Amino acid sequence: MTEQLATTPFGRRQVTLGQIATGMQVREAIEAASQPGSNIPAAVNKWA
């Protein structure tokens, strides 16, 4: 079992449900890309 990196902000800033939803979306996308047989996601041109 692995430990997740904390994503709560430092100091007085509060975490929101939107930030938690974004973290879940990122984690699910990375897990799907790491599954055996999964296609490597296409690169995104950052300026485009």
ModelCIF file with pLDDT and N, C-alpha, C, O atoms, coordinates in Angstrom:
data_MODEL
#
_entry.id   MODEL 
#
_entity.id                         1 
_entity.type                       polymer 
_entity.pdbx_number_of_molecules   1 
#
_entity_poly.entity_id                      1 
_entity_poly.type                           'polypeptide(L)' 
_entity_poly.nstd_linkage                   no 
_entity_poly.nstd_monomer                   no 
_entity_poly.pdbx_seq_one_letter_code       MTEQLATTPFGRRQVTLGQIATGMQVREAIEAASQPGSNIPAAVNKWA 
_entity_poly.pdbx_seq_one_letter_code_can   MTEQLATTPFGRRQVTLGQIATGMQVREAIEAASQPGSNIPAAVNKWA 
_entity_poly.pdbx_strand_id                 A 
#
loop_
_entity_poly_seq.entity_id 
_entity_poly_seq.num 
_entity_poly_seq.mon_id 
_entity_poly_seq.hetero 
1 1  MET n 
1 2  THR n 
1 3  GLU n 
1 4  GLN n 
1 5  LEU n 
1 6  ALA n 
1 7  THR n 
1 8  THR n 
1 9  PRO n 
1 10 PHE n 
1 11 GLY n 
1 12 ARG n 
1 13 ARG n 
1 14 GLN n 
1 15 VAL n 
1 16 THR n 
1 17 LEU n 
1 18 GLY n 
1 19 GLN n 
1 20 ILE n 
1 21 ALA n 
1 22 THR n 
1 23 GLY n 
1 24 MET n 
1 25 GLN n 
1 26 VAL n 
1 27 ARG n 
1 28 GLU n 
1 29 ALA n 
1 30 ILE n 
1 31 GLU n 
1 32 ALA n 
1 33 ALA n 
1 34 SER n 
1 35 GLN n 
1 36 PRO n 
1 37 GLY n 
1 38 SER n 
1 39 ASN n 
1 40 ILE n 
1 41 PRO n 
1 42 ALA n 
1 43 ALA n 
1 44 VAL n 
1 45 ASN n 
1 46 LYS n 
1 47 TRP n 
1 48 ALA n 
#
_struct_asym.id          A 
_struct_asym.entity_id   1 
#
loop_
_ma_qa_metric.id 
_ma_qa_metric.mode 
_ma_qa_metric.name 
_ma_qa_metric.software_group_id 
_ma_qa_metric.type 
1 global pLDDT . pLDDT 
2 local  pLDDT . pLDDT 
#
_ma_qa_metric_global.metric_id      1 
_ma_qa_metric_global.metric_value   63.25 
_ma_qa_metric_global.model_id       1 
_ma_qa_metric_global.ordinal_id     1 
#
loop_
_ma_qa_metric_local.label_asym_id 
_ma_qa_metric_local.label_comp_id 
_ma_qa_metric_local.label_seq_id 
_ma_qa_metric_local.metric_id 
_ma_qa_metric_local.metric_value 
_ma_qa_metric_local.model_id 
_ma_qa_metric_local.ordinal_id 
A MET 1  2 34.00 1 1  
A THR 2  2 38.00 1 2  
A GLU 3  2 42.00 1 3  
A GLN 4  2 46.00 1 4  
A LEU 5  2 52.00 1 5  
A ALA 6  2 54.00 1 6  
A THR 7  2 63.00 1 7  
A THR 8  2 63.00 1 8  
A PRO 9  2 65.00 1 9  
A PHE 10 2 58.00 1 10 
A GLY 11 2 55.00 1 11 
A ARG 12 2 60.00 1 12 
A ARG 13 2 63.00 1 13 
A GLN 14 2 64.00 1 14 
A VAL 15 2 63.00 1 15 
A THR 16 2 69.00 1 16 
A LEU 17 2 64.00 1 17 
A GLY 18 2 64.00 1 18 
A GLN 19 2 63.00 1 19 
A ILE 20 2 66.00 1 20 
A ALA 21 2 68.00 1 21 
A THR 22 2 67.00 1 22 
A GLY 23 2 68.00 1 23 
A MET 24 2 67.00 1 24 
A GLN 25 2 64.00 1 25 
A VAL 26 2 68.00 1 26 
A ARG 27 2 66.00 1 27 
A GLU 28 2 64.00 1 28 
A ALA 29 2 65.00 1 29 
A ILE 30 2 65.00 1 30 
A GLU 31 2 65.00 1 31 
A ALA 32 2 64.00 1 32 
A ALA 33 2 61.00 1 33 
A SER 34 2 59.00 1 34 
A GLN 35 2 59.00 1 35 
A PRO 36 2 59.00 1 36 
A GLY 37 2 56.00 1 37 
A SER 38 2 57.00 1 38 
A ASN 39 2 55.00 1 39 
A ILE 40 2 51.00 1 40 
A PRO 41 2 56.00 1 41 
A ALA 42 2 63.00 1 42 
A ALA 43 2 77.00 1 43 
A VAL 44 2 84.00 1 44 
A ASN 45 2 89.00 1 45 
A LYS 46 2 90.00 1 46 
A TRP 47 2 92.00 1 47 
A ALA 48 2 91.00 1 48 
#
loop_
_atom_site.group_PDB 
_atom_site.id 
_atom_site.type_symbol 
_atom_site.label_atom_id 
_atom_site.label_alt_id 
_atom_site.label_comp_id 
_atom_site.label_asym_id 
_atom_site.label_entity_id 
_atom_site.label_seq_id 
_atom_site.pdbx_PDB_ins_code 
_atom_site.Cartn_x 
_atom_site.Cartn_y 
_atom_site.Cartn_z 
_atom_site.occupancy 
_atom_site.B_iso_or_equiv 
_atom_site.pdbx_formal_charge 
_atom_site.auth_seq_id 
_atom_site.auth_comp_id 
_atom_site.auth_asym_id 
_atom_site.auth_atom_id 
_atom_site.pdbx_PDB_model_num 
ATOM 1   N N  . MET A 1 1  ? 0.846   -1.192 0.000   1.00 34.00 ? 1  MET A N  1 
ATOM 2   C CA . MET A 1 1  ? 0.000   0.000  0.000   1.00 34.00 ? 1  MET A CA 1 
ATOM 3   C C  . MET A 1 1  ? 0.878   1.237  0.000   1.00 34.00 ? 1  MET A C  1 
ATOM 4   O O  . MET A 1 1  ? 1.869   1.295  0.727   1.00 34.00 ? 1  MET A O  1 
ATOM 5   N N  . THR A 1 2  ? 0.527   2.218  -0.800  1.00 38.00 ? 2  THR A N  1 
ATOM 6   C CA . THR A 1 2  ? 1.350   3.412  -0.924  1.00 38.00 ? 2  THR A CA 1 
ATOM 7   C C  . THR A 1 2  ? 0.697   4.580  -0.233  1.00 38.00 ? 2  THR A C  1 
ATOM 8   O O  . THR A 1 2  ? -0.510  4.579  0.013   1.00 38.00 ? 2  THR A O  1 
ATOM 9   N N  . GLU A 1 3  ? 1.497   5.578  0.080   1.00 42.00 ? 3  GLU A N  1 
ATOM 10  C CA . GLU A 1 3  ? 1.014   6.767  0.775   1.00 42.00 ? 3  GLU A CA 1 
ATOM 11  C C  . GLU A 1 3  ? 0.889   7.916  -0.214  1.00 42.00 ? 3  GLU A C  1 
ATOM 12  O O  . GLU A 1 3  ? 1.775   8.153  -1.035  1.00 42.00 ? 3  GLU A O  1 
ATOM 13  N N  . GLN A 1 4  ? -0.220  8.616  -0.116  1.00 46.00 ? 4  GLN A N  1 
ATOM 14  C CA . GLN A 1 4  ? -0.435  9.728  -1.026  1.00 46.00 ? 4  GLN A CA 1 
ATOM 15  C C  . GLN A 1 4  ? 0.176   11.013 -0.488  1.00 46.00 ? 4  GLN A C  1 
ATOM 16  O O  . GLN A 1 4  ? 0.226   11.236 0.722   1.00 46.00 ? 4  GLN A O  1 
ATOM 17  N N  . LEU A 1 5  ? 0.632   11.842 -1.395  1.00 52.00 ? 5  LEU A N  1 
ATOM 18  C CA . LEU A 1 5  ? 1.193   13.126 -1.005  1.00 52.00 ? 5  LEU A CA 1 
ATOM 19  C C  . LEU A 1 5  ? 0.055   14.054 -0.582  1.00 52.00 ? 5  LEU A C  1 
ATOM 20  O O  . LEU A 1 5  ? -0.975  14.114 -1.253  1.00 52.00 ? 5  LEU A O  1 
ATOM 21  N N  . ALA A 1 6  ? 0.230   14.768 0.509   1.00 54.00 ? 6  ALA A N  1 
ATOM 22  C CA . ALA A 1 6  ? -0.809  15.677 0.999   1.00 54.00 ? 6  ALA A CA 1 
ATOM 23  C C  . ALA A 1 6  ? -1.058  16.794 -0.022  1.00 54.00 ? 6  ALA A C  1 
ATOM 24  O O  . ALA A 1 6  ? -0.121  17.349 -0.595  1.00 54.00 ? 6  ALA A O  1 
ATOM 25  N N  . THR A 1 7  ? -2.334  17.107 -0.235  1.00 63.00 ? 7  THR A N  1 
ATOM 26  C CA . THR A 1 7  ? -2.702  18.133 -1.218  1.00 63.00 ? 7  THR A CA 1 
ATOM 27  C C  . THR A 1 7  ? -3.398  19.316 -0.568  1.00 63.00 ? 7  THR A C  1 
ATOM 28  O O  . THR A 1 7  ? -3.862  20.212 -1.274  1.00 63.00 ? 7  THR A O  1 
ATOM 29  N N  . THR A 1 8  ? -3.486  19.345 0.754   1.00 63.00 ? 8  THR A N  1 
ATOM 30  C CA . THR A 1 8  ? -4.113  20.483 1.421   1.00 63.00 ? 8  THR A CA 1 
ATOM 31  C C  . THR A 1 8  ? -3.153  21.666 1.413   1.00 63.00 ? 8  THR A C  1 
ATOM 32  O O  . THR A 1 8  ? -1.941  21.477 1.511   1.00 63.00 ? 8  THR A O  1 
ATOM 33  N N  . PRO A 1 9  ? -3.675  22.873 1.300   1.00 65.00 ? 9  PRO A N  1 
ATOM 34  C CA . PRO A 1 9  ? -2.791  24.053 1.214   1.00 65.00 ? 9  PRO A CA 1 
ATOM 35  C C  . PRO A 1 9  ? -2.168  24.402 2.555   1.00 65.00 ? 9  PRO A C  1 
ATOM 36  O O  . PRO A 1 9  ? -2.672  24.028 3.614   1.00 65.00 ? 9  PRO A O  1 
ATOM 37  N N  . PHE A 1 10 ? -1.067  25.122 2.483   1.00 58.00 ? 10 PHE A N  1 
ATOM 38  C CA . PHE A 1 10 ? -0.345  25.551 3.681   1.00 58.00 ? 10 PHE A CA 1 
ATOM 39  C C  . PHE A 1 10 ? -0.992  26.816 4.237   1.00 58.00 ? 10 PHE A C  1 
ATOM 40  O O  . PHE A 1 10 ? -1.574  27.609 3.496   1.00 58.00 ? 10 PHE A O  1 
ATOM 41  N N  . GLY A 1 11 ? -0.881  26.991 5.555   1.00 55.00 ? 11 GLY A N  1 
ATOM 42  C CA . GLY A 1 11 ? -1.315  28.231 6.176   1.00 55.00 ? 11 GLY A CA 1 
ATOM 43  C C  . GLY A 1 11 ? -2.826  28.309 6.365   1.00 55.00 ? 11 GLY A C  1 
ATOM 44  O O  . GLY A 1 11 ? -3.478  27.306 6.658   1.00 55.00 ? 11 GLY A O  1 
ATOM 45  N N  . ARG A 1 12 ? -3.378  29.515 6.194   1.00 60.00 ? 12 ARG A N  1 
ATOM 46  C CA . ARG A 1 12 ? -4.790  29.752 6.467   1.00 60.00 ? 12 ARG A CA 1 
ATOM 47  C C  . ARG A 1 12 ? -5.696  29.365 5.310   1.00 60.00 ? 12 ARG A C  1 
ATOM 48  O O  . ARG A 1 12 ? -6.917  29.346 5.462   1.00 60.00 ? 12 ARG A O  1 
ATOM 49  N N  . ARG A 1 13 ? -5.128  29.064 4.181   1.00 63.00 ? 13 ARG A N  1 
ATOM 50  C CA . ARG A 1 13 ? -5.962  28.687 3.042   1.00 63.00 ? 13 ARG A CA 1 
ATOM 51  C C  . ARG A 1 13 ? -6.687  27.385 3.335   1.00 63.00 ? 13 ARG A C  1 
ATOM 52  O O  . ARG A 1 13 ? -6.106  26.446 3.880   1.00 63.00 ? 13 ARG A O  1 
ATOM 53  N N  . GLN A 1 14 ? -7.969  27.336 2.966   1.00 64.00 ? 14 GLN A N  1 
ATOM 54  C CA . GLN A 1 14 ? -8.802  26.172 3.216   1.00 64.00 ? 14 GLN A CA 1 
ATOM 55  C C  . GLN A 1 14 ? -8.923  25.331 1.949   1.00 64.00 ? 14 GLN A C  1 
ATOM 56  O O  . GLN A 1 14 ? -8.920  25.862 0.838   1.00 64.00 ? 14 GLN A O  1 
ATOM 57  N N  . VAL A 1 15 ? -9.028  24.022 2.124   1.00 63.00 ? 15 VAL A N  1 
ATOM 58  C CA . VAL A 1 15 ? -9.250  23.134 1.002   1.00 63.00 ? 15 VAL A CA 1 
ATOM 59  C C  . VAL A 1 15 ? -10.734 23.160 0.649   1.00 63.00 ? 15 VAL A C  1 
ATOM 60  O O  . VAL A 1 15 ? -11.581 23.316 1.528   1.00 63.00 ? 15 VAL A O  1 
ATOM 61  N N  . THR A 1 16 ? -11.044 23.010 -0.621  1.00 69.00 ? 16 THR A N  1 
ATOM 62  C CA . THR A 1 16 ? -12.425 23.040 -1.091  1.00 69.00 ? 16 THR A CA 1 
ATOM 63  C C  . THR A 1 16 ? -12.769 21.711 -1.754  1.00 69.00 ? 16 THR A C  1 
ATOM 64  O O  . THR A 1 16 ? -11.888 20.931 -2.117  1.00 69.00 ? 16 THR A O  1 
ATOM 65  N N  . LEU A 1 17 ? -14.070 21.472 -1.905  1.00 64.00 ? 17 LEU A N  1 
ATOM 66  C CA . LEU A 1 17 ? -14.511 20.253 -2.569  1.00 64.00 ? 17 LEU A CA 1 
ATOM 67  C C  . LEU A 1 17 ? -14.072 20.244 -4.032  1.00 64.00 ? 17 LEU A C  1 
ATOM 68  O O  . LEU A 1 17 ? -13.812 19.184 -4.602  1.00 64.00 ? 17 LEU A O  1 
ATOM 69  N N  . GLY A 1 18 ? -13.991 21.420 -4.632  1.00 64.00 ? 18 GLY A N  1 
ATOM 70  C CA . GLY A 1 18 ? -13.533 21.488 -6.017  1.00 64.00 ? 18 GLY A CA 1 
ATOM 71  C C  . GLY A 1 18 ? -12.099 21.020 -6.156  1.00 64.00 ? 18 GLY A C  1 
ATOM 72  O O  . GLY A 1 18 ? -11.759 20.349 -7.130  1.00 64.00 ? 18 GLY A O  1 
ATOM 73  N N  . GLN A 1 19 ? -11.244 21.369 -5.187  1.00 63.00 ? 19 GLN A N  1 
ATOM 74  C CA . GLN A 1 19 ? -9.859  20.917 -5.234  1.00 63.00 ? 19 GLN A CA 1 
ATOM 75  C C  . GLN A 1 19 ? -9.769  19.408 -5.018  1.00 63.00 ? 19 GLN A C  1 
ATOM 76  O O  . GLN A 1 19 ? -8.940  18.737 -5.633  1.00 63.00 ? 19 GLN A O  1 
ATOM 77  N N  . ILE A 1 20 ? -10.618 18.882 -4.151  1.00 66.00 ? 20 ILE A N  1 
ATOM 78  C CA . ILE A 1 20 ? -10.630 17.435 -3.939  1.00 66.00 ? 20 ILE A CA 1 
ATOM 79  C C  . ILE A 1 20 ? -11.086 16.728 -5.209  1.00 66.00 ? 20 ILE A C  1 
ATOM 80  O O  . ILE A 1 20 ? -10.530 15.695 -5.580  1.00 66.00 ? 20 ILE A O  1 
ATOM 81  N N  . ALA A 1 21 ? -12.117 17.294 -5.889  1.00 68.00 ? 21 ALA A N  1 
ATOM 82  C CA . ALA A 1 21 ? -12.591 16.692 -7.140  1.00 68.00 ? 21 ALA A CA 1 
ATOM 83  C C  . ALA A 1 21 ? -11.510 16.735 -8.212  1.00 68.00 ? 21 ALA A C  1 
ATOM 84  O O  . ALA A 1 21 ? -11.357 15.781 -8.976  1.00 68.00 ? 21 ALA A O  1 
ATOM 85  N N  . THR A 1 22 ? -10.757 17.833 -8.276  1.00 67.00 ? 22 THR A N  1 
ATOM 86  C CA . THR A 1 22 ? -9.664  17.911 -9.248  1.00 67.00 ? 22 THR A CA 1 
ATOM 87  C C  . THR A 1 22 ? -8.597  16.871 -8.960  1.00 67.00 ? 22 THR A C  1 
ATOM 88  O O  . THR A 1 22 ? -8.073  16.246 -9.882  1.00 67.00 ? 22 THR A O  1 
ATOM 89  N N  . GLY A 1 23 ? -8.269  16.680 -7.677  1.00 68.00 ? 23 GLY A N  1 
ATOM 90  C CA . GLY A 1 23 ? -7.290  15.662 -7.321  1.00 68.00 ? 23 GLY A CA 1 
ATOM 91  C C  . GLY A 1 23 ? -7.751  14.257 -7.680  1.00 68.00 ? 23 GLY A C  1 
ATOM 92  O O  . GLY A 1 23 ? -6.962  13.437 -8.149  1.00 68.00 ? 23 GLY A O  1 
ATOM 93  N N  . MET A 1 24 ? -9.051  13.981 -7.454  1.00 67.00 ? 24 MET A N  1 
ATOM 94  C CA . MET A 1 24 ? -9.579  12.673 -7.830  1.00 67.00 ? 24 MET A CA 1 
ATOM 95  C C  . MET A 1 24 ? -9.506  12.470 -9.335  1.00 67.00 ? 24 MET A C  1 
ATOM 96  O O  . MET A 1 24 ? -9.155  11.384 -9.797  1.00 67.00 ? 24 MET A O  1 
ATOM 97  N N  . GLN A 1 25 ? -9.837  13.510 -10.111 1.00 64.00 ? 25 GLN A N  1 
ATOM 98  C CA . GLN A 1 25 ? -9.798  13.398 -11.571 1.00 64.00 ? 25 GLN A CA 1 
ATOM 99  C C  . GLN A 1 25 ? -8.383  13.135 -12.055 1.00 64.00 ? 25 GLN A C  1 
ATOM 100 O O  . GLN A 1 25 ? -8.175  12.328 -12.961 1.00 64.00 ? 25 GLN A O  1 
ATOM 101 N N  . VAL A 1 26 ? -7.407  13.813 -11.457 1.00 68.00 ? 26 VAL A N  1 
ATOM 102 C CA . VAL A 1 26 ? -6.011  13.600 -11.844 1.00 68.00 ? 26 VAL A CA 1 
ATOM 103 C C  . VAL A 1 26 ? -5.569  12.191 -11.491 1.00 68.00 ? 26 VAL A C  1 
ATOM 104 O O  . VAL A 1 26 ? -4.936  11.520 -12.306 1.00 68.00 ? 26 VAL A O  1 
ATOM 105 N N  . ARG A 1 27 ? -5.894  11.731 -10.282 1.00 66.00 ? 27 ARG A N  1 
ATOM 106 C CA . ARG A 1 27 ? -5.455  10.398 -9.847  1.00 66.00 ? 27 ARG A CA 1 
ATOM 107 C C  . ARG A 1 27 ? -6.074  9.307  -10.709 1.00 66.00 ? 27 ARG A C  1 
ATOM 108 O O  . ARG A 1 27 ? -5.395  8.347  -11.074 1.00 66.00 ? 27 ARG A O  1 
ATOM 109 N N  . GLU A 1 28 ? -7.365  9.445  -11.038 1.00 64.00 ? 28 GLU A N  1 
ATOM 110 C CA . GLU A 1 28 ? -8.013  8.432  -11.864 1.00 64.00 ? 28 GLU A CA 1 
ATOM 111 C C  . GLU A 1 28 ? -7.417  8.396  -13.272 1.00 64.00 ? 28 GLU A C  1 
ATOM 112 O O  . GLU A 1 28 ? -7.263  7.324  -13.857 1.00 64.00 ? 28 GLU A O  1 
ATOM 113 N N  . ALA A 1 29 ? -7.080  9.580  -13.817 1.00 65.00 ? 29 ALA A N  1 
ATOM 114 C CA . ALA A 1 29 ? -6.488  9.607  -15.154 1.00 65.00 ? 29 ALA A CA 1 
ATOM 115 C C  . ALA A 1 29 ? -5.122  8.950  -15.161 1.00 65.00 ? 29 ALA A C  1 
ATOM 116 O O  . ALA A 1 29 ? -4.788  8.232  -16.104 1.00 65.00 ? 29 ALA A O  1 
ATOM 117 N N  . ILE A 1 30 ? -4.322  9.182  -14.125 1.00 65.00 ? 30 ILE A N  1 
ATOM 118 C CA . ILE A 1 30 ? -2.990  8.573  -14.063 1.00 65.00 ? 30 ILE A CA 1 
ATOM 119 C C  . ILE A 1 30 ? -3.104  7.065  -13.867 1.00 65.00 ? 30 ILE A C  1 
ATOM 120 O O  . ILE A 1 30 ? -2.345  6.300  -14.463 1.00 65.00 ? 30 ILE A O  1 
ATOM 121 N N  . GLU A 1 31 ? -4.049  6.636  -13.035 1.00 65.00 ? 31 GLU A N  1 
ATOM 122 C CA . GLU A 1 31 ? -4.236  5.202  -12.822 1.00 65.00 ? 31 GLU A CA 1 
ATOM 123 C C  . GLU A 1 31 ? -4.663  4.527  -14.114 1.00 65.00 ? 31 GLU A C  1 
ATOM 124 O O  . GLU A 1 31 ? -4.171  3.447  -14.441 1.00 65.00 ? 31 GLU A O  1 
ATOM 125 N N  . ALA A 1 32 ? -5.586  5.161  -14.863 1.00 64.00 ? 32 ALA A N  1 
ATOM 126 C CA . ALA A 1 32 ? -6.040  4.569  -16.124 1.00 64.00 ? 32 ALA A CA 1 
ATOM 127 C C  . ALA A 1 32 ? -4.899  4.480  -17.124 1.00 64.00 ? 32 ALA A C  1 
ATOM 128 O O  . ALA A 1 32 ? -4.800  3.505  -17.869 1.00 64.00 ? 32 ALA A O  1 
ATOM 129 N N  . ALA A 1 33 ? -4.027  5.501  -17.146 1.00 61.00 ? 33 ALA A N  1 
ATOM 130 C CA . ALA A 1 33 ? -2.904  5.483  -18.086 1.00 61.00 ? 33 ALA A CA 1 
ATOM 131 C C  . ALA A 1 33 ? -1.854  4.459  -17.691 1.00 61.00 ? 33 ALA A C  1 
ATOM 132 O O  . ALA A 1 33 ? -1.094  3.996  -18.541 1.00 61.00 ? 33 ALA A O  1 
ATOM 133 N N  . SER A 1 34 ? -1.799  4.092  -16.388 1.00 59.00 ? 34 SER A N  1 
ATOM 134 C CA . SER A 1 34 ? -0.769  3.165  -15.912 1.00 59.00 ? 34 SER A CA 1 
ATOM 135 C C  . SER A 1 34 ? -1.208  1.717  -15.971 1.00 59.00 ? 34 SER A C  1 
ATOM 136 O O  . SER A 1 34 ? -0.410  0.823  -15.689 1.00 59.00 ? 34 SER A O  1 
ATOM 137 N N  . GLN A 1 35 ? -2.457  1.462  -16.329 1.00 59.00 ? 35 GLN A N  1 
ATOM 138 C CA . GLN A 1 35 ? -2.939  0.092  -16.398 1.00 59.00 ? 35 GLN A CA 1 
ATOM 139 C C  . GLN A 1 35 ? -2.255  -0.659 -17.538 1.00 59.00 ? 35 GLN A C  1 
ATOM 140 O O  . GLN A 1 35 ? -1.939  -0.066 -18.569 1.00 59.00 ? 35 GLN A O  1 
ATOM 141 N N  . PRO A 1 36 ? -2.025  -1.972 -17.356 1.00 59.00 ? 36 PRO A N  1 
ATOM 142 C CA . PRO A 1 36 ? -1.415  -2.765 -18.438 1.00 59.00 ? 36 PRO A CA 1 
ATOM 143 C C  . PRO A 1 36 ? -2.279  -2.732 -19.694 1.00 59.00 ? 36 PRO A C  1 
ATOM 144 O O  . PRO A 1 36 ? -3.500  -2.871 -19.627 1.00 59.00 ? 36 PRO A O  1 
ATOM 145 N N  . GLY A 1 37 ? -1.639  -2.549 -20.816 1.00 56.00 ? 37 GLY A N  1 
ATOM 146 C CA . GLY A 1 37 ? -2.353  -2.490 -22.084 1.00 56.00 ? 37 GLY A CA 1 
ATOM 147 C C  . GLY A 1 37 ? -2.931  -1.134 -22.417 1.00 56.00 ? 37 GLY A C  1 
ATOM 148 O O  . GLY A 1 37 ? -3.483  -0.939 -23.499 1.00 56.00 ? 37 GLY A O  1 
ATOM 149 N N  . SER A 1 38 ? -2.808  -0.185 -21.486 1.00 57.00 ? 38 SER A N  1 
ATOM 150 C CA . SER A 1 38 ? -3.349  1.154  -21.754 1.00 57.00 ? 38 SER A CA 1 
ATOM 151 C C  . SER A 1 38 ? -2.422  1.913  -22.692 1.00 57.00 ? 38 SER A C  1 
ATOM 152 O O  . SER A 1 38 ? -1.199  1.827  -22.588 1.00 57.00 ? 38 SER A O  1 
ATOM 153 N N  . ASN A 1 39 ? -3.028  2.653  -23.604 1.00 55.00 ? 39 ASN A N  1 
ATOM 154 C CA . ASN A 1 39 ? -2.229  3.464  -24.518 1.00 55.00 ? 39 ASN A CA 1 
ATOM 155 C C  . ASN A 1 39 ? -1.595  4.633  -23.777 1.00 55.00 ? 39 ASN A C  1 
ATOM 156 O O  . ASN A 1 39 ? -2.221  5.228  -22.899 1.00 55.00 ? 39 ASN A O  1 
ATOM 157 N N  . ILE A 1 40 ? -0.388  4.955  -24.117 1.00 51.00 ? 40 ILE A N  1 
ATOM 158 C CA . ILE A 1 40 ? 0.259   6.113  -23.495 1.00 51.00 ? 40 ILE A CA 1 
ATOM 159 C C  . ILE A 1 40 ? -0.473  7.372  -23.945 1.00 51.00 ? 40 ILE A C  1 
ATOM 160 O O  . ILE A 1 40 ? -0.677  7.558  -25.145 1.00 51.00 ? 40 ILE A O  1 
ATOM 161 N N  . PRO A 1 41 ? -0.869  8.233  -23.029 1.00 56.00 ? 41 PRO A N  1 
ATOM 162 C CA . PRO A 1 41 ? -1.635  9.414  -23.435 1.00 56.00 ? 41 PRO A CA 1 
ATOM 163 C C  . PRO A 1 41 ? -0.839  10.313 -24.363 1.00 56.00 ? 41 PRO A C  1 
ATOM 164 O O  . PRO A 1 41 ? 0.365   10.504 -24.189 1.00 56.00 ? 41 PRO A O  1 
ATOM 165 N N  . ALA A 1 42 ? -1.515  10.849 -25.328 1.00 63.00 ? 42 ALA A N  1 
ATOM 166 C CA . ALA A 1 42 ? -0.859  11.742 -26.284 1.00 63.00 ? 42 ALA A CA 1 
ATOM 167 C C  . ALA A 1 42 ? -0.372  12.998 -25.575 1.00 63.00 ? 42 ALA A C  1 
ATOM 168 O O  . ALA A 1 42 ? -0.994  13.470 -24.624 1.00 63.00 ? 42 ALA A O  1 
ATOM 169 N N  . ALA A 1 43 ? 0.728   13.521 -26.042 1.00 77.00 ? 43 ALA A N  1 
ATOM 170 C CA . ALA A 1 43 ? 1.280   14.742 -25.451 1.00 77.00 ? 43 ALA A CA 1 
ATOM 171 C C  . ALA A 1 43 ? 0.432   15.942 -25.844 1.00 77.00 ? 43 ALA A C  1 
ATOM 172 O O  . ALA A 1 43 ? -0.172  15.973 -26.916 1.00 77.00 ? 43 ALA A O  1 
ATOM 173 N N  . VAL A 1 44 ? 0.398   16.919 -24.965 1.00 84.00 ? 44 VAL A N  1 
ATOM 174 C CA . VAL A 1 44 ? -0.361  18.148 -25.186 1.00 84.00 ? 44 VAL A CA 1 
ATOM 175 C C  . VAL A 1 44 ? 0.628   19.290 -25.320 1.00 84.00 ? 44 VAL A C  1 
ATOM 176 O O  . VAL A 1 44 ? 1.456   19.504 -24.435 1.00 84.00 ? 44 VAL A O  1 
ATOM 177 N N  . ASN A 1 45 ? 0.548   20.024 -26.417 1.00 89.00 ? 45 ASN A N  1 
ATOM 178 C CA . ASN A 1 45 ? 1.395   21.193 -26.587 1.00 89.00 ? 45 ASN A CA 1 
ATOM 179 C C  . ASN A 1 45 ? 0.906   22.286 -25.636 1.00 89.00 ? 45 ASN A C  1 
ATOM 180 O O  . ASN A 1 45 ? -0.231  22.746 -25.738 1.00 89.00 ? 45 ASN A O  1 
ATOM 181 N N  . LYS A 1 46 ? 1.768   22.690 -24.723 1.00 90.00 ? 46 LYS A N  1 
ATOM 182 C CA . LYS A 1 46 ? 1.315   23.607 -23.677 1.00 90.00 ? 46 LYS A CA 1 
ATOM 183 C C  . LYS A 1 46 ? 0.901   24.963 -24.227 1.00 90.00 ? 46 LYS A C  1 
ATOM 184 O O  . LYS A 1 46 ? 0.005   25.603 -23.677 1.00 90.00 ? 46 LYS A O  1 
ATOM 185 N N  . TRP A 1 47 ? 1.544   25.414 -25.309 1.00 92.00 ? 47 TRP A N  1 
ATOM 186 C CA . TRP A 1 47 ? 1.180   26.729 -25.833 1.00 92.00 ? 47 TRP A CA 1 
ATOM 187 C C  . TRP A 1 47 ? -0.102  26.660 -26.647 1.00 92.00 ? 47 TRP A C  1 
ATOM 188 O O  . TRP A 1 47 ? -0.887  27.609 -26.651 1.00 92.00 ? 47 TRP A O  1 
ATOM 189 N N  . ALA A 1 48 ? -0.324  25.534 -27.344 1.00 91.00 ? 48 ALA A N  1 
ATOM 190 C CA . ALA A 1 48 ? -1.620  25.371 -28.028 1.00 91.00 ? 48 ALA A CA 1 
ATOM 191 C C  . ALA A 1 48 ? -2.743  25.298 -27.008 1.00 91.00 ? 48 ALA A C  1 
ATOM 192 O O  . ALA A 1 48 ? -3.908  25.161 -27.382 1.00 91.00 ? 48 ALA A O  1 
#
